[in-house]
Protein backbone atom coordinates (compact mmCIF):
# COMPACT_ATOMS: atom_id res chain seq x y z
CA MET A 1 95.34 17.31 -27.45
CA ASP A 2 94.89 19.61 -30.46
CA GLN A 3 93.01 16.77 -32.14
CA LEU A 4 90.35 17.06 -29.44
CA ASN A 5 89.51 20.51 -30.78
CA ASN A 6 88.40 18.92 -34.07
CA ILE A 7 84.85 17.65 -34.41
CA LEU A 8 83.46 15.85 -37.44
CA PHE A 9 79.66 15.88 -37.52
CA THR A 10 77.55 13.50 -39.56
CA HIS A 11 74.09 11.93 -39.34
CA SER A 12 72.57 8.52 -40.04
CA TYR A 13 69.73 9.35 -42.43
CA PHE A 14 70.65 7.91 -45.83
CA LEU A 15 68.06 8.89 -48.43
CA ARG A 16 69.03 5.95 -50.66
CA PHE A 17 68.19 3.52 -47.83
CA ASP A 18 64.59 4.75 -47.84
CA PRO A 19 63.23 3.85 -51.33
CA LYS A 20 59.95 5.74 -50.94
CA GLN A 21 61.68 8.99 -49.95
CA TRP A 22 64.37 8.52 -52.60
CA ALA A 23 61.64 8.25 -55.26
CA ILE A 24 59.83 11.33 -53.90
CA GLY A 25 63.11 13.25 -54.13
CA GLN A 26 62.31 16.07 -51.69
CA PRO A 27 65.12 15.93 -49.09
CA TYR A 28 65.73 18.42 -46.31
CA ALA A 29 69.15 19.08 -44.81
CA PRO A 30 69.69 17.75 -41.24
CA LEU A 31 68.69 20.89 -39.37
CA GLY A 32 69.41 19.58 -35.87
CA THR A 33 72.93 18.59 -36.92
CA LEU A 34 73.59 22.07 -38.28
CA TYR A 35 72.43 23.66 -35.03
CA ALA A 36 74.85 21.51 -33.04
CA ALA A 37 77.73 22.23 -35.42
CA SER A 38 77.08 25.96 -35.23
CA ASN A 39 76.95 25.91 -31.44
CA MET A 40 80.25 24.03 -31.12
CA ARG A 41 81.93 26.34 -33.64
CA MET A 42 80.73 29.35 -31.64
CA HIS A 43 82.51 27.87 -28.62
CA GLY A 44 85.88 27.58 -30.36
CA TYR A 45 85.88 24.10 -31.89
CA ASN A 46 87.07 23.33 -35.40
CA VAL A 47 83.97 21.88 -36.98
CA SER A 48 83.53 19.88 -40.18
CA PHE A 49 80.47 18.12 -41.55
CA PHE A 50 79.94 15.05 -43.71
CA ASP A 51 76.43 14.81 -45.12
CA ASN A 52 75.13 11.27 -45.59
CA MET A 53 71.90 12.35 -47.25
CA PHE A 54 73.08 11.24 -50.69
CA SER A 55 75.68 8.67 -49.58
CA TYR A 56 75.73 5.11 -50.88
CA THR A 57 77.10 3.31 -47.83
CA ALA A 58 78.27 4.02 -44.29
CA HIS A 59 81.85 3.64 -45.55
CA ASP A 60 81.50 6.87 -47.55
CA VAL A 61 82.36 8.78 -44.38
CA VAL A 62 85.86 7.27 -44.11
CA PRO A 63 87.69 9.80 -46.36
CA ALA A 64 86.23 12.65 -44.30
CA ILE A 65 87.52 11.03 -41.10
CA ALA A 66 90.96 10.52 -42.63
CA GLN A 67 91.12 14.09 -43.96
CA ASN A 68 89.79 15.99 -40.92
CA LYS A 69 91.44 13.83 -38.24
CA PRO A 70 88.75 14.56 -35.66
CA GLY A 71 89.17 13.85 -32.00
CA PHE A 72 85.40 13.67 -31.75
CA PHE A 73 83.18 11.89 -34.27
CA VAL A 74 79.57 12.94 -33.67
CA ILE A 75 76.58 11.19 -35.23
CA TYR A 76 73.93 13.81 -34.61
CA ASP A 77 70.53 13.14 -36.19
CA ASP A 78 67.92 15.75 -37.03
CA GLY A 79 65.35 15.75 -34.23
CA PHE A 80 63.06 18.01 -36.28
CA ASN A 81 62.42 15.49 -39.06
CA TYR A 82 59.73 12.85 -38.59
CA LEU A 83 61.79 10.42 -40.70
CA THR A 84 64.51 10.26 -38.05
CA LYS A 85 61.91 10.05 -35.27
CA MET A 86 60.66 6.83 -36.88
CA CYS A 87 63.89 5.04 -35.84
CA LEU A 88 64.20 3.02 -39.06
CA THR A 89 66.43 -0.05 -38.82
CA ASN A 90 68.26 0.72 -42.07
CA MET A 91 69.55 3.93 -40.51
CA ARG A 92 70.33 2.29 -37.15
CA GLU A 93 72.54 -0.30 -38.84
CA ALA A 94 74.35 2.44 -40.76
CA ALA A 95 74.96 4.32 -37.49
CA PHE A 96 76.42 1.18 -35.90
CA LYS A 97 78.80 0.77 -38.85
CA MET A 98 79.94 4.39 -38.64
CA CYS A 99 80.60 4.03 -34.91
CA LYS A 100 82.93 1.11 -35.58
CA LEU A 101 84.65 2.85 -38.50
CA ALA A 102 85.36 5.98 -36.44
CA LYS A 103 86.73 3.91 -33.56
CA LYS A 104 89.26 2.37 -35.95
CA TYR A 105 90.60 5.90 -36.52
CA GLY A 106 90.89 6.55 -32.79
CA CYS A 107 87.92 8.93 -32.56
CA ILE A 108 85.81 9.45 -29.47
CA VAL A 109 82.34 8.56 -30.77
CA ILE A 110 79.28 10.47 -29.57
CA VAL A 111 75.73 9.77 -30.77
CA SER A 112 72.59 11.89 -30.46
CA SER A 113 69.29 10.75 -32.00
CA SER A 114 65.77 9.65 -31.19
CA ASP A 115 66.80 6.04 -31.75
CA SER A 116 69.92 6.17 -29.58
CA THR A 117 67.98 7.90 -26.81
CA ASP A 118 65.57 4.94 -26.80
CA ARG A 119 68.28 2.29 -27.34
CA TYR A 120 71.37 3.75 -25.72
CA LYS A 121 72.59 0.35 -24.47
CA GLU A 122 72.67 -1.04 -28.01
CA TYR A 123 74.59 1.98 -29.32
CA LEU A 124 77.13 1.72 -26.51
CA ASN A 125 77.58 -1.97 -27.32
CA GLU A 126 78.09 -1.12 -31.01
CA GLY A 127 80.99 1.29 -30.52
CA ALA A 128 79.59 4.59 -29.26
CA ASP A 129 81.56 5.99 -26.33
CA PHE A 130 78.72 8.30 -25.30
CA VAL A 131 75.04 8.66 -26.12
CA ILE A 132 73.36 11.99 -25.46
CA ILE A 133 69.87 11.57 -24.05
CA GLY A 134 67.37 14.21 -25.14
CA GLU A 135 68.19 17.74 -26.30
CA ALA A 136 71.88 17.65 -27.03
CA GLU A 137 73.61 21.00 -27.73
CA GLN A 138 74.53 21.87 -24.14
CA THR A 139 75.33 18.28 -23.18
CA LEU A 140 77.68 17.90 -26.14
CA LEU A 141 79.53 21.10 -25.23
CA GLU A 142 79.94 20.14 -21.57
CA LEU A 143 81.08 16.63 -22.49
CA THR A 144 83.73 17.67 -25.00
CA ASN A 145 85.00 20.43 -22.68
CA ALA A 146 85.31 17.93 -19.83
CA ILE A 147 87.23 15.43 -21.98
CA LYS A 148 89.54 18.15 -23.30
CA SER A 149 90.24 19.24 -19.73
CA GLY A 150 91.08 15.69 -18.66
CA ILE A 151 88.14 15.37 -16.29
CA GLU A 152 87.46 11.67 -15.74
CA ASP A 153 84.34 11.83 -13.59
CA ILE A 154 81.62 13.03 -15.95
CA ALA A 155 78.67 11.69 -13.98
CA GLN A 156 77.61 15.24 -13.13
CA ILE A 157 76.92 16.03 -16.80
CA GLN A 158 73.17 15.84 -17.34
CA GLY A 159 71.60 13.93 -20.22
CA LEU A 160 74.36 11.42 -20.87
CA ALA A 161 74.76 7.64 -21.17
CA TYR A 162 78.09 5.75 -21.20
CA ILE A 163 79.79 2.63 -19.86
CA LYS A 164 80.73 2.95 -16.19
CA ASN A 165 82.32 0.09 -14.27
CA GLY A 166 81.55 -2.20 -17.18
CA LEU A 167 77.84 -1.44 -17.31
CA PRO A 168 75.65 1.10 -19.15
CA PHE A 169 75.10 4.15 -16.95
CA LYS A 170 72.73 7.07 -17.45
CA THR A 171 73.01 10.44 -15.74
CA ILE A 172 70.01 12.52 -14.67
CA ALA A 173 67.93 14.13 -17.42
CA ARG A 174 68.77 17.60 -18.69
CA PRO A 175 66.02 20.24 -18.67
CA VAL A 176 65.18 21.51 -22.16
CA LEU A 177 66.54 24.83 -23.37
CA LYS A 178 63.99 27.59 -22.82
CA ASP A 179 65.54 30.57 -24.62
CA LEU A 180 66.04 29.31 -28.17
CA ASP A 181 67.32 32.71 -29.34
CA THR A 182 70.55 32.04 -27.41
CA LEU A 183 71.51 29.41 -29.99
CA PRO A 184 73.38 30.59 -33.08
CA LEU A 185 71.66 30.13 -36.42
CA PRO A 186 72.31 26.73 -38.04
CA ALA A 187 75.63 26.33 -39.86
CA TRP A 188 74.10 26.48 -43.33
CA ASP A 189 77.50 27.27 -44.84
CA LEU A 190 78.63 23.69 -44.12
CA VAL A 191 76.03 22.15 -46.45
CA ASP A 192 76.52 21.52 -50.14
CA ILE A 193 73.04 22.66 -51.11
CA THR A 194 73.40 21.82 -54.81
CA PRO A 195 72.15 18.20 -54.72
CA TYR A 196 69.21 19.27 -52.54
CA ARG A 197 68.25 22.01 -54.98
CA GLU A 198 68.65 19.74 -58.02
CA SER A 199 66.53 16.99 -56.46
CA TRP A 200 63.74 19.41 -55.53
CA LEU A 201 63.68 21.07 -58.93
CA LYS A 202 63.63 17.70 -60.68
CA HIS A 203 60.83 16.20 -58.58
CA ALA A 204 58.77 19.20 -57.46
CA GLY A 205 59.67 22.08 -59.77
CA TYR A 206 60.68 24.38 -56.90
CA PHE A 207 63.27 24.45 -54.10
CA SER A 208 62.25 24.07 -50.46
CA MET A 209 64.34 24.37 -47.28
CA ASN A 210 63.55 23.67 -43.63
CA VAL A 211 63.37 26.01 -40.64
CA GLY A 212 62.38 25.28 -37.04
CA THR A 213 60.71 28.01 -35.00
CA THR A 214 59.88 25.97 -31.87
CA ARG A 215 60.87 22.87 -29.94
CA GLY A 216 58.55 20.40 -28.29
CA CYS A 217 54.81 19.92 -28.13
CA PRO A 218 52.61 20.35 -25.05
CA PHE A 219 49.84 18.10 -26.33
CA LYS A 220 49.65 14.50 -25.18
CA CYS A 221 48.57 12.27 -28.07
CA ASN A 222 49.40 8.90 -26.53
CA TRP A 223 51.09 7.44 -29.64
CA CYS A 224 53.47 10.36 -30.20
CA ALA A 225 57.11 9.85 -29.16
CA LYS A 226 59.06 12.92 -28.01
CA PRO A 227 62.48 11.60 -26.97
CA ILE A 228 64.40 14.78 -27.82
CA TYR A 229 62.34 17.86 -26.97
CA GLY A 230 59.60 16.39 -24.79
CA ASN A 231 56.26 17.92 -23.79
CA ARG A 232 57.63 21.40 -23.16
CA TYR A 233 57.03 24.02 -25.82
CA ASN A 234 59.57 26.79 -26.40
CA SER A 235 59.60 29.28 -29.24
CA ARG A 236 62.14 31.41 -31.04
CA SER A 237 61.22 35.07 -31.34
CA ALA A 238 59.64 36.10 -34.63
CA GLU A 239 62.61 38.48 -35.17
CA ASN A 240 65.08 35.59 -34.80
CA VAL A 241 63.19 33.48 -37.36
CA ILE A 242 63.03 36.38 -39.79
CA ALA A 243 66.83 36.79 -39.52
CA GLU A 244 67.31 33.16 -40.59
CA LEU A 245 64.81 33.48 -43.46
CA LYS A 246 66.68 36.53 -44.76
CA LEU A 247 69.94 34.58 -44.53
CA LEU A 248 68.52 31.63 -46.47
CA LYS A 249 67.07 33.94 -49.11
CA THR A 250 70.46 35.64 -49.52
CA MET A 251 72.53 32.44 -49.51
CA PHE A 252 70.28 30.09 -51.45
CA ASN A 253 67.33 32.06 -52.87
CA MET A 254 64.91 29.33 -51.79
CA ASP A 255 61.35 29.35 -53.13
CA HIS A 256 59.66 27.59 -50.27
CA ILE A 257 60.04 26.79 -46.56
CA TRP A 258 58.91 23.83 -44.50
CA PHE A 259 58.46 25.01 -40.93
CA CYS A 260 59.23 21.65 -39.38
CA ASP A 261 57.90 22.36 -35.87
CA ASP A 262 55.63 19.77 -34.31
CA ILE A 263 53.22 22.67 -33.72
CA PHE A 264 53.71 26.00 -35.50
CA GLY A 265 52.74 29.33 -33.94
CA LEU A 266 51.14 28.12 -30.72
CA LYS A 267 52.40 31.10 -28.69
CA PRO A 268 49.61 33.74 -28.52
CA GLY A 269 50.16 36.59 -30.98
CA TRP A 270 53.22 35.01 -32.60
CA VAL A 271 51.63 34.31 -36.00
CA LYS A 272 50.32 37.86 -36.38
CA GLN A 273 53.69 39.33 -35.36
CA PHE A 274 55.47 37.03 -37.81
CA ALA A 275 53.11 38.03 -40.63
CA GLN A 276 53.73 41.70 -39.95
CA LEU A 277 57.52 41.22 -39.99
CA VAL A 278 57.35 39.28 -43.28
CA LYS A 279 55.48 42.22 -44.78
CA THR A 280 57.81 44.84 -43.27
CA GLU A 281 60.94 43.05 -44.51
CA GLY A 282 59.46 42.51 -47.98
CA LEU A 283 60.11 38.77 -47.81
CA GLN A 284 58.47 36.69 -50.49
CA PHE A 285 58.30 32.94 -50.08
CA ARG A 286 55.71 30.20 -49.74
CA TYR A 287 55.60 27.81 -46.85
CA LYS A 288 53.96 24.76 -45.30
CA LEU A 289 53.63 23.82 -41.65
CA GLN A 290 52.18 21.34 -39.18
CA SER A 291 49.40 22.26 -36.77
CA ARG A 292 46.24 20.99 -35.10
CA ALA A 293 42.60 21.46 -36.01
CA ASP A 294 41.80 23.14 -32.69
CA LEU A 295 44.49 25.78 -33.33
CA LEU A 296 43.03 26.81 -36.69
CA LEU A 297 39.61 28.02 -35.67
CA ASP A 298 40.32 31.77 -35.45
CA ASP A 299 39.66 33.64 -38.69
CA GLU A 300 42.28 36.34 -38.01
CA ASP A 301 45.05 33.83 -37.25
CA VAL A 302 44.33 31.81 -40.40
CA ALA A 303 44.22 35.04 -42.42
CA ALA A 304 47.62 36.02 -40.97
CA LEU A 305 49.08 32.67 -42.02
CA ALA A 306 47.81 33.18 -45.55
CA ALA A 307 49.10 36.77 -45.70
CA SER A 308 52.62 35.69 -44.70
CA GLY A 309 52.87 33.06 -47.47
CA CYS A 310 51.38 29.90 -45.97
CA GLU A 311 50.00 27.70 -48.73
CA ASN A 312 49.69 24.30 -47.05
CA VAL A 313 48.91 23.17 -43.50
CA TRP A 314 49.22 19.55 -42.42
CA ILE A 315 47.00 18.64 -39.49
CA GLY A 316 46.87 15.38 -37.58
CA ALA A 317 43.29 14.58 -38.47
CA GLU A 318 44.15 10.91 -37.76
CA SER A 319 40.58 9.52 -37.79
CA GLY A 320 37.01 10.36 -38.70
CA SER A 321 35.82 8.48 -35.62
CA GLN A 322 35.51 10.50 -32.42
CA LYS A 323 35.83 7.25 -30.48
CA ILE A 324 39.30 6.68 -31.93
CA LEU A 325 40.38 10.31 -31.46
CA ASP A 326 39.39 10.08 -27.80
CA ALA A 327 41.22 6.76 -27.39
CA MET A 328 44.34 8.46 -28.78
CA ASP A 329 44.00 11.33 -26.27
CA LYS A 330 44.06 13.56 -29.32
CA GLY A 331 42.08 16.38 -27.75
CA THR A 332 40.38 17.39 -31.01
CA SER A 333 36.93 16.79 -32.43
CA ILE A 334 35.56 15.83 -35.83
CA GLU A 335 33.71 19.18 -35.88
CA GLN A 336 36.98 21.09 -35.34
CA ILE A 337 38.61 19.24 -38.25
CA ALA A 338 35.74 20.25 -40.52
CA THR A 339 35.70 23.88 -39.32
CA ALA A 340 39.49 24.29 -39.65
CA THR A 341 39.44 22.75 -43.13
CA LYS A 342 36.73 25.11 -44.37
CA LEU A 343 38.42 28.14 -42.80
CA MET A 344 41.76 27.34 -44.44
CA LYS A 345 40.11 26.87 -47.82
CA LYS A 346 38.34 30.21 -47.34
CA HIS A 347 41.73 31.96 -47.05
CA GLY A 348 43.38 30.06 -49.89
CA ILE A 349 45.40 27.68 -47.72
CA ARG A 350 45.48 24.03 -48.73
CA PRO A 351 44.57 21.76 -45.80
CA SER A 352 46.28 18.36 -45.74
CA PHE A 353 45.54 15.43 -43.43
CA PHE A 354 47.72 12.93 -41.64
CA ILE A 355 45.58 9.79 -41.32
CA GLN A 356 46.32 6.85 -39.04
CA PHE A 357 44.67 3.46 -39.35
CA GLY A 358 45.02 0.45 -37.07
CA TYR A 359 44.76 2.05 -33.65
CA PRO A 360 43.63 -0.59 -31.10
CA GLY A 361 39.87 -0.91 -31.01
CA GLU A 362 39.33 0.50 -34.49
CA THR A 363 36.50 -1.28 -36.31
CA LYS A 364 35.28 -1.39 -39.89
CA ASP A 365 32.72 1.30 -38.97
CA ASP A 366 35.49 3.59 -37.66
CA ILE A 367 37.44 3.09 -40.88
CA ALA A 368 34.33 3.98 -42.89
CA LEU A 369 33.90 7.19 -40.87
CA THR A 370 37.49 8.15 -41.67
CA ILE A 371 37.03 7.50 -45.39
CA ASN A 372 33.81 9.52 -45.38
CA MET A 373 35.54 12.42 -43.63
CA ILE A 374 38.28 12.48 -46.27
CA ASN A 375 35.80 12.31 -49.14
CA ASN A 376 33.53 14.99 -47.69
CA LEU A 377 36.22 17.49 -46.73
CA LEU A 378 38.54 16.78 -49.70
CA PRO A 379 41.89 17.89 -48.27
CA HIS A 380 44.67 18.92 -50.66
CA GLU A 381 46.78 15.88 -49.75
CA ILE A 382 46.57 12.91 -47.41
CA GLY A 383 49.38 11.01 -45.72
CA ILE A 384 48.33 7.56 -44.52
CA SER A 385 50.11 5.44 -41.94
CA VAL A 386 49.31 2.61 -39.58
CA SER A 387 49.70 2.94 -35.82
CA TYR A 388 53.40 2.62 -34.99
CA PRO A 389 54.36 1.98 -31.33
CA LEU A 390 57.52 3.77 -30.23
CA PRO A 391 59.16 3.52 -26.79
CA GLY A 392 58.22 6.18 -24.30
CA THR A 393 54.57 6.39 -25.36
CA LEU A 394 51.45 5.18 -23.55
CA PHE A 395 50.45 3.48 -26.79
CA TYR A 396 53.71 1.47 -26.75
CA GLU A 397 53.05 0.37 -23.16
CA LYS A 398 49.53 -0.64 -24.14
CA VAL A 399 50.66 -2.99 -26.93
CA LYS A 400 54.17 -3.88 -25.69
CA ALA A 401 53.19 -7.36 -24.53
CA ASP A 402 51.78 -8.07 -27.98
CA LEU A 403 54.75 -6.83 -29.98
CA ARG A 404 56.47 -9.38 -32.11
CA GLN A 405 60.22 -9.63 -32.51
CA LYS A 406 60.15 -6.76 -34.99
CA THR A 407 59.75 -3.37 -33.24
CA ASN A 408 60.82 -0.87 -35.93
CA TRP A 409 60.22 -0.42 -39.64
CA THR A 410 63.12 -0.94 -42.05
CA ASP A 411 62.16 2.11 -44.13
CA SER A 412 59.34 4.63 -44.11
CA ASP A 413 57.20 2.72 -46.62
CA GLU A 414 57.16 -0.59 -44.77
CA MET A 415 53.85 0.15 -43.01
CA ALA A 416 54.07 -3.09 -41.03
CA LEU A 417 51.52 -3.58 -38.27
CA MET A 418 53.64 -4.91 -35.43
CA PHE A 419 50.88 -6.03 -33.05
CA SER A 420 47.64 -8.01 -33.37
CA ASN A 421 44.63 -5.93 -34.35
CA THR A 422 41.12 -6.07 -35.79
CA PHE A 423 42.47 -6.91 -39.25
CA SER A 424 45.65 -8.40 -40.67
CA ALA A 425 48.73 -6.45 -41.69
CA ALA A 426 47.91 -7.27 -45.33
CA TYR A 427 44.46 -5.70 -44.89
CA TYR A 428 45.95 -2.40 -43.70
CA LYS A 429 48.40 -2.39 -46.60
CA GLN A 430 45.51 -2.81 -49.03
CA LEU A 431 43.44 -0.25 -47.12
CA HIS A 432 46.20 2.29 -47.81
CA ARG A 433 45.86 1.65 -51.57
CA TYR A 434 42.07 1.69 -51.52
CA VAL A 435 41.76 4.95 -49.56
CA HIS A 436 44.18 6.73 -51.89
CA GLN A 437 42.27 5.59 -54.99
CA ASN A 438 38.94 6.48 -53.41
CA TYR A 439 40.22 9.91 -52.43
CA HIS A 440 41.54 10.66 -55.92
CA ALA A 441 38.26 9.48 -57.45
CA HIS A 442 36.37 11.97 -55.27
CA LEU A 443 38.81 14.76 -56.16
CA ALA A 444 38.23 13.99 -59.83
CA LYS A 445 34.46 13.89 -59.31
CA ASN A 446 34.59 17.27 -57.56
CA SER A 447 36.52 18.79 -60.49
CA LEU A 448 34.02 17.30 -62.93
CA VAL A 449 31.09 18.85 -61.03
CA LYS A 450 32.81 22.26 -61.00
CA LEU A 451 33.53 21.97 -64.70
CA LEU A 452 29.89 21.18 -65.50
CA LYS A 453 28.67 24.05 -63.33
CA ASN A 454 30.99 26.52 -65.03
CA PRO A 455 31.81 25.14 -68.49
CA PHE A 456 32.76 28.53 -69.94
CA LYS A 457 35.79 28.96 -67.67
CA PRO A 458 37.64 25.70 -68.04
CA SER A 459 41.29 25.32 -67.06
CA LEU A 460 43.62 22.64 -68.40
CA LYS A 461 44.38 21.52 -64.84
CA ARG A 462 40.68 21.12 -63.98
CA ILE A 463 39.96 19.31 -67.24
CA ARG A 464 42.79 16.84 -66.56
CA LYS A 465 41.63 16.31 -62.98
CA ALA A 466 38.04 15.74 -64.10
CA ALA A 467 39.17 13.35 -66.84
CA SER A 468 41.12 11.30 -64.30
CA PHE A 469 37.77 10.10 -62.93
CA ILE A 470 37.71 7.66 -65.85
CA TYR A 471 40.77 5.95 -64.32
CA HIS A 472 40.22 6.38 -60.58
CA ALA A 473 36.56 5.28 -60.43
CA PRO A 474 37.13 1.71 -61.73
CA ALA A 475 40.48 1.52 -59.92
CA THR A 476 38.67 2.27 -56.67
CA LEU A 477 36.24 -0.59 -57.30
CA ILE A 478 39.11 -2.99 -57.98
CA GLU A 479 41.05 -1.96 -54.85
CA GLY A 480 37.83 -2.17 -52.81
CA PHE A 481 37.21 -5.72 -54.04
CA LYS A 482 40.75 -6.71 -53.00
CA LEU A 483 40.17 -5.13 -49.60
CA GLN A 484 36.96 -7.11 -49.07
CA LYS A 485 38.78 -10.37 -49.76
CA LEU A 486 41.25 -9.58 -46.94
CA GLU A 487 38.62 -8.71 -44.30
CA ASN A 488 38.58 -12.13 -42.69
CA THR A 489 42.30 -12.89 -42.88
CA VAL A 490 44.38 -12.86 -39.70
């Protein structure tokens, strides 16, 4: 029975299994896993953690199982990270292997992730004893307490899936946690931060860590999957977030923070309060966040972000075609994207765009509008993807009948189009290359113009950027020619 007081946490995101992300070399620790570990420790459990971020195979976890002798083996993925929300098959297969390995050691296996929430029957068939559906901290605590107490009928525990009478059974859904300040701060002491720091310094020249200030998103973009936190939006207090930032500064002396919320600072007045507390506490750090164009139209709010250290905001611009934005139920306009971009630049914040090609109904004219928007507004960075149907979304239901046997990407760079569309999958792959070259050519052209306008104040960075036009201009023509050849392929 004492063994049931021991919990070994791990997760199924293996950086090495995602070649694009491994090459980028900017990993973030599994924040959701650390929250769960901290919560269970607060309630009297002996908690250990095996971090698969830099593991080579699923078998790497075996020594940790043998050493810690856990009664519970918990695969708990980070619901804050978009990479785990993508439900990549490489990671799913690794999770299945770990389930089987832990069962060999007599562990009770519990899984919590976006993928297992969508595919709980598969996980139960592959060795998981329980799958937690949705937000998991409270469900995990109730489940382990019930098993420790010898309670056999666990059907009253909300947010749970397991085998009952030989068949997969799912209990009623659990409401999301409203008061996030009741959770303890993540168990940062369980992480070996050294390989994270070394990777960041090698690839980026600074060290970034992740913090979540909210859970959920109230907006209803019809392609966005929210299997863990749903459409509700709940926020930590600014004071609670500041306490964690001070802890991270003391423990790790980070340079930079990624606020990994789906939507940062939506609660009225929160951003201004946060900025004031950063100033009062004398905190110095830079940060990036995710937001929406329609939330970045107030000059005072954008100024407060800049004053508190914000240097980069990623917005879901998605498309330069209003027709496509409306089809997505995005709720934003092309004019708002332009206004927000200019306002951020005014306050020294770098605007960056998520762009999505391949949404049903998108034409060549819509694609051209998107390219023109990028070239005219010149964001700091762009992240390009193709429309990716995930269970639980209206978009998935719309294309479900057309989905081929493949329903998930293997890794984050696969970019496979998994349903029939205006153009072929090969076309969208080439479009990704063309748009990037075109964008960099326009950035270089913009630097060249600035240099010619003000030749007496040159900077080495601007000179290099301007000179890169010599490469990007012809490269754009070449990639555009390749794209044209693929227009009529199916």
